[in-house]
Structure formats: C-alpha cells, structure tokens
Protein backbone atom coordinates (compact mmCIF):
# COMPACT_ATOMS: atom_id res chain seq x y z
CA MET A 1 -157.05 -42.27 -34.65
CA ASP A 2 -156.01 -44.52 -31.84
CA THR A 3 -154.05 -46.67 -34.25
CA ASP A 4 -152.11 -43.67 -35.60
CA ARG A 5 -151.26 -42.46 -32.14
CA PHE A 6 -150.02 -45.88 -31.15
CA PHE A 7 -147.91 -46.10 -34.25
CA GLN A 8 -146.39 -42.64 -33.66
CA THR A 9 -145.68 -43.49 -30.06
CA ALA A 10 -143.99 -46.70 -31.05
CA ILE A 11 -141.79 -44.89 -33.57
CA ILE A 12 -140.73 -42.30 -30.97
CA VAL A 13 -139.91 -44.97 -28.39
CA SER A 14 -137.93 -46.95 -30.95
CA ALA A 15 -136.03 -43.82 -32.03
CA LEU A 16 -135.17 -42.98 -28.42
CA ALA A 17 -134.01 -46.54 -27.81
CA HIS A 18 -131.74 -46.48 -30.85
CA ILE A 19 -130.35 -43.07 -29.92
CA THR A 20 -129.57 -44.30 -26.39
CA PHE A 21 -127.93 -47.46 -27.71
CA ILE A 22 -125.78 -45.48 -30.14
CA ALA A 23 -124.75 -42.98 -27.45
CA VAL A 24 -123.64 -45.76 -25.09
CA HIS A 25 -121.83 -47.93 -27.64
CA LEU A 26 -120.46 -45.12 -29.83
CA PRO A 27 -116.74 -45.69 -28.98
CA SER A 28 -116.95 -49.36 -29.89
CA LEU A 29 -118.64 -48.84 -33.23
CA ASN A 30 -116.17 -49.26 -36.04
CA PHE A 31 -118.22 -47.48 -38.64
CA LEU A 32 -118.30 -44.24 -36.61
CA ARG A 33 -114.47 -44.15 -36.11
CA PHE A 34 -112.54 -41.67 -38.14
CA ASN A 35 -109.97 -43.19 -40.39
CA LYS A 36 -106.80 -41.39 -39.39
CA PRO A 37 -104.01 -41.36 -41.92
CA LYS A 38 -101.25 -43.82 -41.06
CA GLN A 39 -97.83 -42.31 -40.34
CA GLU A 40 -94.78 -43.98 -41.68
CA ILE A 41 -92.12 -44.95 -39.12
CA LYS A 42 -88.70 -43.76 -40.07
CA VAL A 43 -85.60 -45.41 -38.66
CA VAL A 44 -82.61 -43.07 -38.33
CA TYR A 45 -79.15 -44.52 -37.64
CA ILE A 46 -76.76 -42.25 -35.72
CA LYS A 47 -73.12 -43.00 -36.22
CA ALA A 48 -71.17 -42.85 -32.99
CA PRO A 49 -67.98 -40.76 -33.14
CA ARG A 50 -64.87 -42.86 -33.40
CA GLN A 51 -62.65 -42.76 -30.39
CA GLN A 52 -59.28 -41.32 -31.19
CA ASP A 53 -56.28 -43.52 -30.76
CA PRO A 54 -54.06 -42.45 -27.88
CA VAL A 55 -51.01 -40.50 -28.90
CA PRO A 56 -47.78 -42.34 -28.04
CA GLY A 57 -46.13 -40.83 -25.01
CA LYS A 58 -49.24 -38.91 -23.94
CA ILE A 59 -51.16 -40.00 -20.86
CA THR A 60 -54.87 -39.39 -21.04
CA ALA A 61 -56.75 -38.78 -17.84
CA ARG A 62 -59.51 -41.21 -17.03
CA GLU A 63 -62.63 -40.36 -15.15
CA PRO A 64 -62.80 -41.98 -11.74
CA LEU A 65 -65.06 -44.97 -11.48
CA VAL A 66 -66.32 -43.90 -8.08
CA THR A 67 -67.03 -40.22 -7.66
CA ARG A 68 -68.10 -40.44 -4.07
CA ILE A 69 -67.16 -42.88 -1.34
CA PRO A 70 -69.62 -43.24 1.52
CA ALA A 71 -68.44 -42.36 4.99
CA LYS A 72 -68.85 -45.90 6.25
CA VAL A 73 -68.52 -49.01 4.16
CA THR A 74 -69.32 -52.39 5.59
CA ALA A 75 -68.27 -55.44 3.60
CA ASP A 76 -67.82 -59.07 4.25
CA ASN A 77 -64.84 -61.13 3.19
CA LYS A 78 -66.50 -62.14 -0.09
CA SER A 79 -67.17 -58.57 -1.33
CA LEU A 80 -64.90 -56.53 -3.53
CA LEU A 81 -64.13 -54.07 -0.71
CA ALA A 82 -62.89 -56.73 1.68
CA PRO A 83 -59.18 -56.32 0.72
CA LEU A 84 -59.40 -52.56 1.32
CA GLN A 85 -61.03 -53.05 4.69
CA SER A 86 -58.45 -55.67 5.66
CA SER A 87 -55.56 -53.35 4.78
CA GLN A 88 -57.09 -50.54 6.85
CA ASN A 89 -57.46 -52.84 9.84
CA PHE A 90 -53.85 -53.96 9.46
CA LEU A 91 -52.65 -50.34 9.42
CA LYS A 92 -54.63 -49.58 12.57
CA ARG A 93 -53.13 -52.58 14.37
CA SER A 94 -49.63 -51.60 13.25
CA ALA A 95 -50.14 -48.04 14.49
CA GLY A 96 -51.31 -49.36 17.85
CA LEU A 97 -48.25 -51.59 18.22
CA ALA A 98 -45.93 -48.74 17.24
CA ALA A 99 -47.53 -46.51 19.88
CA LYS A 100 -47.07 -49.17 22.56
CA GLU A 101 -43.45 -49.91 21.64
CA ALA A 102 -42.42 -46.26 21.23
CA ASP A 103 -40.81 -46.20 24.65
CA VAL A 104 -38.84 -49.38 23.95
CA VAL A 105 -37.34 -48.57 20.55
CA LYS A 106 -34.29 -46.36 20.81
CA PRO A 107 -33.49 -43.88 18.05
CA PHE A 108 -30.74 -44.97 15.72
CA THR A 109 -27.90 -42.53 15.43
CA LEU A 110 -25.15 -42.81 12.90
CA LYS A 111 -21.83 -42.52 14.60
CA PRO A 112 -18.86 -41.27 12.63
CA ASP A 113 -15.85 -43.49 12.25
CA ILE A 114 -13.46 -42.52 15.04
CA ILE A 115 -10.04 -44.07 15.12
CA PRO A 116 -8.78 -44.19 18.70
CA VAL A 117 -5.36 -42.61 19.10
CA LYS A 118 -3.20 -43.31 22.11
CA LYS A 119 -0.70 -40.64 22.89
CA LYS A 120 2.60 -41.38 24.58
CA ILE A 121 4.90 -38.89 26.29
CA SER A 122 8.23 -39.90 27.68
CA LEU A 123 11.35 -38.18 28.94
CA PRO A 124 14.39 -40.06 27.65
CA PRO A 125 17.36 -40.02 30.03
CA VAL A 126 19.95 -37.30 29.48
CA ASP A 127 23.67 -38.02 29.66
CA MET A 128 24.44 -37.66 33.36
CA ALA A 129 27.75 -39.49 33.46
CA LYS A 130 29.47 -36.55 35.12
CA ILE A 131 26.85 -36.35 37.92
CA SER A 132 27.44 -38.72 40.82
CA ASN A 133 25.37 -37.08 43.56
CA PRO A 134 22.48 -39.48 44.38
CA SER A 135 20.41 -36.69 45.94
CA TYR A 136 20.59 -34.72 42.70
CA ILE A 137 19.59 -37.80 40.63
CA SER A 138 16.65 -38.55 42.94
CA TYR A 139 15.43 -34.96 42.85
CA TYR A 140 15.84 -34.90 39.06
CA GLN A 141 13.56 -37.95 38.74
CA LEU A 142 10.82 -36.14 40.70
CA VAL A 143 11.11 -33.10 38.41
CA ARG A 144 10.98 -35.23 35.25
CA GLU A 145 7.83 -37.08 36.38
CA LYS A 146 6.00 -33.85 37.22
CA ILE A 147 6.87 -32.40 33.80
CA ARG A 148 5.72 -35.59 32.05
CA ARG A 149 2.28 -35.46 33.70
CA SER A 150 1.86 -31.82 32.79
CA ALA A 151 2.85 -32.46 29.15
CA TYR A 152 0.42 -35.38 28.92
CA GLN A 153 -2.48 -33.10 29.90
CA ASN A 154 -1.50 -30.37 27.40
CA TYR A 155 -0.76 -32.63 24.42
CA SER A 156 -3.94 -32.94 22.28
CA ARG A 157 -2.78 -33.26 18.66
CA THR A 158 -1.08 -35.97 16.63
CA GLU A 159 2.20 -34.22 15.91
CA THR A 160 5.25 -36.17 17.00
CA GLY A 161 8.80 -35.19 17.82
CA GLU A 162 11.29 -34.38 20.58
CA ILE A 163 11.91 -31.07 22.32
CA PHE A 164 15.17 -30.40 24.22
CA LEU A 165 14.92 -27.88 27.07
CA SER A 166 17.23 -26.48 29.73
CA PHE A 167 15.83 -24.76 32.84
CA VAL A 168 16.89 -23.54 36.29
CA ILE A 169 15.10 -24.28 39.58
CA GLY A 170 15.66 -22.32 42.77
CA GLN A 171 16.19 -23.84 46.19
CA ASP A 172 12.55 -23.15 47.08
CA GLY A 173 11.35 -25.06 43.96
CA SER A 174 10.50 -22.00 41.87
CA LEU A 175 11.20 -21.93 38.12
CA ARG A 176 13.70 -19.17 37.40
CA ASP A 177 14.72 -19.70 33.80
CA ILE A 178 13.86 -21.85 30.77
CA ARG A 179 15.61 -22.13 27.43
CA LEU A 180 14.89 -24.11 24.27
CA ILE A 181 17.77 -25.93 22.57
CA GLU A 182 16.66 -25.40 18.95
CA GLU A 183 19.36 -27.48 17.23
CA LYS A 184 18.27 -30.57 19.17
CA SER A 185 14.49 -29.99 18.94
CA THR A 186 11.86 -30.87 16.34
CA PRO A 187 10.91 -27.83 14.21
CA SER A 188 7.30 -27.81 15.35
CA TYR A 189 5.92 -24.64 16.88
CA TYR A 190 3.10 -26.56 18.53
CA LEU A 191 5.39 -29.11 20.23
CA ARG A 192 7.84 -26.43 21.33
CA ASP A 193 5.03 -24.40 22.86
CA ILE A 194 3.56 -27.47 24.59
CA ALA A 195 6.94 -28.39 26.05
CA SER A 196 7.64 -24.89 27.41
CA ARG A 197 4.14 -24.52 28.86
CA SER A 198 4.35 -27.97 30.45
CA ILE A 199 7.48 -27.03 32.42
CA ARG A 200 5.90 -23.74 33.53
CA ALA A 201 2.67 -25.53 34.53
CA ALA A 202 4.65 -28.12 36.53
CA ALA A 203 6.23 -25.39 38.68
CA PRO A 204 6.69 -24.91 41.52
CA PHE A 205 8.77 -28.00 42.09
CA PRO A 206 9.67 -29.62 45.43
CA VAL A 207 12.07 -27.82 47.72
CA PHE A 208 15.68 -29.00 47.54
CA PRO A 209 16.60 -31.67 50.03
CA LYS A 210 19.19 -30.87 52.69
CA GLU A 211 21.87 -32.72 50.74
CA LEU A 212 21.50 -30.23 47.89
CA ASP A 213 22.74 -27.10 49.62
CA TYR A 214 22.71 -24.87 46.53
CA PRO A 215 20.83 -21.65 45.76
CA GLN A 216 19.75 -23.03 42.41
CA LEU A 217 20.36 -25.98 40.09
CA SER A 218 20.29 -26.40 36.32
CA PHE A 219 18.51 -29.31 34.61
CA ASN A 220 18.22 -30.60 31.07
CA VAL A 221 15.23 -32.54 29.84
CA ILE A 222 14.02 -34.10 26.57
CA ILE A 223 10.24 -34.36 26.07
CA SER A 224 9.28 -36.95 23.47
CA PHE A 225 5.78 -36.81 21.90
CA GLU A 226 4.63 -40.07 20.27
CA ILE A 227 1.40 -41.64 18.92
CA GLU A 228 0.69 -45.37 19.23
C-alpha cells in the first residue's frame, strides 16, 4: 500500500511539474503555435499623371515657395537671406539721408522758355522849320518827354508802328483838344488807343513860360512804337 501511494504521489507531482513548465514556456514552443496561412504580398504600381505642356502664350501661376515669412529674420552674410537684409538696410540708410537733406534740396521747377523783349518808344522830330521861337521849342521838348514816359508805361504788346497826333494845350497846361491824323498813322487800333491815352495821361503839362504869352498853343507829335 505504501508503495502504491508513493507511486501515485510521484505521478501527480510529475504531472504538476510538466503542466507548470508548459504554462510558462508555452509561447516559445513551436509545436503549440498555430500555422497561420501566409499572405501573398502584392506590388501595385501607380502611374503618375503626366504634366501637361504649357500652352504657348499662356502664363501659368506658380505656387509661392514661401507661404509665410516670419516677422523677424536674422541671417548672417553667408545665408541665402543676406542679400535681402542688405538691401533693406540700404533702403533705411537712404531714407535717413533723404530726411536729413530735405531742407537742403530745392524743388526743381520747369520754367517756360521766355524770350525777353525790349520795347522802344521814341518821338521823332516834326518839321519845325517855320518855328523860330526858342521858348516854344524848349517847352515843346518838355511836352514830348512827358508823353514818351506815359506811352512807355502803357505800351505792353509787341505791335509796332507810328501814330501821328495833333493836340492843343492851354496856358495853364491843361489839354484842351486832341486829334488823330489817320493818313499818317499806322492802322492799328491798339497803337492808336495807346497814343491817345498816353497824351491824356501826361496832362496836365507845365504852365507856359512868360515868353509864351498865348492863351493856347497847338503841337504835333509822332509816337513811334518799336521792339528790339
């Protein structure tokens, strides 16, 4: 009996030992692994779409290489962004110099071509062979000079010609009458008007000297308008 019990106990201990060994080493046992069916690997080639040739005369838009530029970019002289940074620094320096020299540089204005015109007004002498009174000749010279100055101020155009006028001056120097000699005058309404207004603007004239004891005297004058 003792031998049977010992034998049974030994069998149970051996069975438990084998069961424990199998439970621990089950993953590493090749004979307990399930033979999974092998899957075939298929290689599929995908043909990339062919890029269309650009149409002549048609400009295709390209996507920008850089979609976002950081707010601050620091680069040394050896980087690709160095030329951009150098150009920005140059523009800043140029703007600073322009701001400093703004008060020195004067604006350039295009002046139109103006040809200077010099006007000349003279009073050619009138035939006074029949007049021998020196007082009359002296007074006549004063009248002629005053009329010439007045005509010079009124003459503003470039029309040229001669206007012949006859007028009467009273003893007190007042202008009493004026008449245009048309047949001896240039047919210019402007010059005729300037000549008449110049004589009226020159009045009153000086009072007659004592040697000219007359109530009034008549004078002739030629006003010549010229451009040099």
